[in-house]
C-alpha atoms as a PDB file:
ATOM      1  CA  MET A   1       4.016  -9.960  14.220  1.00  0.00           C
ATOM      2  CA  ILE A   2       7.622 -10.611  15.168  1.00  0.00           C
ATOM      3  CA  ARG A   3       8.559  -7.736  17.477  1.00  0.00           C
ATOM      4  CA  LYS A   4       6.864  -7.444  20.842  1.00  0.00           C
ATOM      5  CA  PRO A   5       4.560  -4.393  20.873  1.00  0.00           C
ATOM      6  CA  THR A   6       5.438  -1.621  23.301  1.00  0.00           C
ATOM      7  CA  HIS A   7       3.447  -1.568  26.543  1.00  0.00           C
ATOM      8  CA  PRO A   8       1.098   1.460  26.639  1.00  0.00           C
ATOM      9  CA  GLY A   9       2.531   2.352  30.064  1.00  0.00           C
ATOM     10  CA  THR A  10       5.962   2.791  28.510  1.00  0.00           C
ATOM     11  CA  VAL A  11       4.480   4.942  25.731  1.00  0.00           C
ATOM     12  CA  PHE A  12       2.689   7.075  28.337  1.00  0.00           C
ATOM     13  CA  LEU A  13       5.848   7.465  30.425  1.00  0.00           C
ATOM     14  CA  GLU A  14       8.198   8.225  27.511  1.00  0.00           C
ATOM     15  CA  ASP A  15       5.890  10.270  25.267  1.00  0.00           C
ATOM     16  CA  VAL A  16       3.744  12.102  27.800  1.00  0.00           C
ATOM     17  CA  MET A  17       5.143  12.204  31.319  1.00  0.00           C
ATOM     18  CA  LYS A  18       8.858  12.690  30.622  1.00  0.00           C
ATOM     19  CA  PRO A  19       8.472  15.459  28.008  1.00  0.00           C
ATOM     20  CA  LEU A  20       6.140  17.323  30.393  1.00  0.00           C
ATOM     21  CA  GLY A  21       8.446  16.774  33.366  1.00  0.00           C
ATOM     22  CA  LEU A  22       5.684  15.056  35.350  1.00  0.00           C
ATOM     23  CA  THR A  23       6.390  12.782  38.302  1.00  0.00           C
ATOM     24  CA  ILE A  24       4.433   9.631  39.114  1.00  0.00           C
ATOM     25  CA  THR A  25       2.892  11.434  42.093  1.00  0.00           C
ATOM     26  CA  ASP A  26       1.847  14.505  40.098  1.00  0.00           C
ATOM     27  CA  THR A  27       0.523  12.471  37.192  1.00  0.00           C
ATOM     28  CA  ALA A  28      -1.431  10.114  39.439  1.00  0.00           C
ATOM     29  CA  GLN A  29      -3.060  13.069  41.140  1.00  0.00           C
ATOM     30  CA  MET A  30      -3.939  14.670  37.788  1.00  0.00           C
ATOM     31  CA  LEU A  31      -5.443  11.390  36.527  1.00  0.00           C
ATOM     32  CA  GLY A  32      -7.324  10.769  39.764  1.00  0.00           C
ATOM     33  CA  VAL A  33      -5.659   7.417  40.466  1.00  0.00           C
ATOM     34  CA  SER A  34      -3.358   6.166  43.195  1.00  0.00           C
ATOM     35  CA  ARG A  35       0.391   6.508  42.851  1.00  0.00           C
ATOM     36  CA  LYS A  36       0.654   2.717  43.095  1.00  0.00           C
ATOM     37  CA  THR A  37      -1.829   2.177  40.247  1.00  0.00           C
ATOM     38  CA  LEU A  38       0.063   4.537  37.938  1.00  0.00           C
ATOM     39  CA  SER A  39       3.458   3.165  38.950  1.00  0.00           C
ATOM     40  CA  GLU A  40       2.388  -0.411  38.181  1.00  0.00           C
ATOM     41  CA  PHE A  41       1.060   0.716  34.786  1.00  0.00           C
ATOM     42  CA  VAL A  42       4.128   2.690  33.652  1.00  0.00           C
ATOM     43  CA  ASN A  43       6.462  -0.036  34.944  1.00  0.00           C
ATOM     44  CA  GLU A  44       4.605  -2.693  32.923  1.00  0.00           C
ATOM     45  CA  LYS A  45       3.374  -4.538  36.007  1.00  0.00           C
ATOM     46  CA  ALA A  46      -0.277  -3.882  35.121  1.00  0.00           C
ATOM     47  CA  SER A  47      -2.238  -3.832  31.880  1.00  0.00           C
ATOM     48  CA  LEU A  48      -4.137  -0.792  30.708  1.00  0.00           C
ATOM     49  CA  SER A  49      -7.741  -0.892  31.889  1.00  0.00           C
ATOM     50  CA  PRO A  50     -10.575   0.736  29.941  1.00  0.00           C
ATOM     51  CA  GLU A  51     -11.000   3.163  32.857  1.00  0.00           C
ATOM     52  CA  MET A  52      -7.339   4.186  32.725  1.00  0.00           C
ATOM     53  CA  ALA A  53      -7.587   4.570  28.948  1.00  0.00           C
ATOM     54  CA  LEU A  54     -10.471   7.007  29.468  1.00  0.00           C
ATOM     55  CA  ARG A  55      -8.516   8.957  32.094  1.00  0.00           C
ATOM     56  CA  ILE A  56      -5.408   9.176  29.888  1.00  0.00           C
ATOM     57  CA  SER A  57      -7.442  10.157  26.840  1.00  0.00           C
ATOM     58  CA  LYS A  58      -9.117  13.014  28.743  1.00  0.00           C
ATOM     59  CA  ALA A  59      -5.781  14.234  30.118  1.00  0.00           C
ATOM     60  CA  THR A  60      -3.973  14.052  26.765  1.00  0.00           C
ATOM     61  CA  ASN A  61      -6.822  14.864  24.373  1.00  0.00           C
ATOM     62  CA  THR A  62      -6.325  11.541  22.580  1.00  0.00           C
ATOM     63  CA  SER A  63      -8.768   8.714  21.951  1.00  0.00           C
ATOM     64  CA  PRO A  64      -9.206   5.946  24.511  1.00  0.00           C
ATOM     65  CA  GLU A  65      -9.312   3.520  21.573  1.00  0.00           C
ATOM     66  CA  SER A  66      -5.748   4.410  20.586  1.00  0.00           C
ATOM     67  CA  TRP A  67      -4.530   3.479  24.064  1.00  0.00           C
ATOM     68  CA  LEU A  68      -6.647   0.318  24.229  1.00  0.00           C
ATOM     69  CA  ASN A  69      -5.400  -0.733  20.770  1.00  0.00           C
ATOM     70  CA  MET A  70      -1.828  -0.656  22.098  1.00  0.00           C
ATOM     71  CA  GLN A  71      -2.852  -2.883  25.007  1.00  0.00           C
ATOM     72  CA  GLN A  72      -4.787  -5.250  22.737  1.00  0.00           C
ATOM     73  CA  LYS A  73      -1.808  -5.694  20.404  1.00  0.00           C
ATOM     74  CA  LEU A  74       0.460  -6.460  23.359  1.00  0.00           C
ATOM     75  CA  THR A  75      -2.052  -8.854  24.935  1.00  0.00           C
ATOM     76  CA  LEU A  76      -2.505 -10.761  21.661  1.00  0.00           C
ATOM     77  CA  TRP A  77       1.256 -10.889  21.090  1.00  0.00           C
ATOM     78  CA  ASN A  78       1.763 -12.300  24.596  1.00  0.00           C
ATOM     79  CA  ALA A  79      -0.973 -14.895  24.018  1.00  0.00           C
ATOM     80  CA  SER A  80       0.529 -15.869  20.655  1.00  0.00           C
ATOM     81  CA  GLN A  81       3.791 -16.787  22.393  1.00  0.00           C
ATOM     82  CA  ASN A  82       1.933 -19.718  23.963  1.00  0.00           C
ATOM     83  CA  ALA A  83      -0.646 -20.349  21.273  1.00  0.00           C
ATOM     84  CA  PRO A  84      -2.604 -23.579  21.739  1.00  0.00           C
ATOM     85  CA  THR A  85      -1.527 -26.437  19.501  1.00  0.00           C
ATOM     86  CA  ASN A  86      -4.411 -28.806  20.207  1.00  0.00           C
ATOM     87  CA  VAL A  87      -7.134 -26.869  18.349  1.00  0.00           C
ATOM     88  CA  ILE A  88      -8.859 -28.702  15.508  1.00  0.00           C
ATOM     89  CA  PRO A  89     -10.436 -26.415  12.872  1.00  0.00           C
ATOM     90  CA  PHE A  90     -14.197 -26.722  12.414  1.00  0.00           C
ATOM     91  CA  PRO A  91     -15.275 -28.436   9.198  1.00  0.00           C
ATOM     92  CA  VAL A  92     -16.341 -25.996   6.485  1.00  0.00           C
ATOM     93  CA  PRO A  93     -19.919 -26.632   5.284  1.00  0.00           C
ATOM     94  CA  ASP A  94     -20.416 -27.046   1.536  1.00  0.00           C
ATOM     95  CA  ILE A  95     -22.385 -23.767   1.460  1.00  0.00           C
ATOM     96  CA  MET A  96     -19.289 -21.791   2.533  1.00  0.00           C
ATOM     97  CA  GLU A  97     -17.013 -23.308  -0.107  1.00  0.00           C
ATOM     98  CA  GLY A  98     -16.664 -21.484  -3.405  1.00  0.00           C
END
């Protein structure tokens, strides 16, 4: 994966909040979270939590897995930017060969 995946907060802001004309304050209230929590999420200061994925999925009639998959792809991409270089692969037993 070469391109950095889009943060789910950006997707939520651009694809849900803006088209509906929702403010951070209104959206936070509708989701039942603090304004600060939502602001940190949509401004990419915080990762998507499973709880937030459930809240967003209920509000948008989407699956929480779709939101968590976005976060997982981003998290793995970020980790791959500093992938460990000192890992030695385990030896493959003869049973697993061929």
